[in-house]
Protein backbone atom coordinates (compact mmCIF):
# COMPACT_ATOMS: atom_id res chain seq x y z
CA UNK A 1 -7.19 60.86 28.85
CA UNK A 2 -6.03 60.74 32.45
CA UNK A 3 -2.44 61.61 33.32
CA UNK A 4 -0.65 58.97 35.40
CA UNK A 5 1.69 59.83 38.20
CA UNK A 6 5.29 58.59 37.77
CA UNK A 7 5.02 56.59 41.00
CA UNK A 8 1.98 54.74 39.64
CA UNK A 9 3.82 53.86 36.42
CA UNK A 10 6.06 51.49 38.38
CA UNK A 11 3.01 49.48 39.45
CA UNK A 12 1.70 48.82 35.92
CA UNK A 13 1.93 45.16 34.95
CA UNK A 14 1.62 44.22 31.29
CA UNK A 15 0.50 41.01 29.67
CA UNK A 16 3.67 39.40 28.40
CA UNK A 17 3.10 35.93 29.80
CA UNK A 18 0.58 34.61 27.30
CA UNK A 19 1.24 32.71 24.08
CA UNK A 20 0.21 34.41 20.89
CA UNK A 21 -1.25 32.58 17.94
CA UNK A 22 1.92 33.25 15.95
CA UNK A 23 4.10 31.46 18.50
CA UNK A 24 1.73 28.49 18.67
CA UNK A 25 1.59 28.23 14.87
CA UNK A 26 5.40 28.35 14.60
CA UNK A 27 5.68 25.57 17.19
CA UNK A 28 3.17 23.44 15.26
CA UNK A 29 5.07 24.06 12.01
CA UNK A 30 8.32 22.84 13.61
CA UNK A 31 6.59 19.68 14.86
CA UNK A 32 5.13 19.03 11.39
CA UNK A 33 8.59 19.51 9.87
CA UNK A 34 10.07 16.84 12.16
CA UNK A 35 7.17 14.45 11.46
CA UNK A 36 7.57 14.86 7.69
CA UNK A 37 11.35 14.38 7.93
CA UNK A 38 10.88 11.23 10.02
CA UNK A 39 8.34 9.90 7.55
CA UNK A 40 10.78 10.49 4.66
CA UNK A 41 13.69 8.83 6.45
CA UNK A 42 11.53 5.88 7.48
CA UNK A 43 10.26 5.45 3.94
CA UNK A 44 13.82 5.55 2.58
CA UNK A 45 15.00 2.94 5.08
CA UNK A 46 12.06 0.68 4.22
CA UNK A 47 12.68 1.01 0.46
CA UNK A 48 16.39 0.21 0.88
CA UNK A 49 15.58 -2.83 3.03
CA UNK A 50 13.01 -4.12 0.51
CA UNK A 51 15.18 -3.37 -2.52
CA UNK A 52 12.61 -0.99 -4.07
CA UNK A 53 15.11 1.64 -5.14
CA UNK A 54 14.74 3.34 -8.50
CA UNK A 55 17.85 3.05 -10.68
CA UNK A 56 19.79 6.26 -11.23
CA UNK A 57 20.63 5.52 -14.90
């Protein structure tokens, strides 16, 4: 392994500007959560409007 001079260490640029698969998957999961919540709320509103509510007895 080659030793690096301290002055050259300041010039090293790492790869921190790319998206990882974990970040992309988490973003997709959040979007799916909002879609499912919207679908549930929309279904509830439609059932209330049509009078198709199950009795709670």
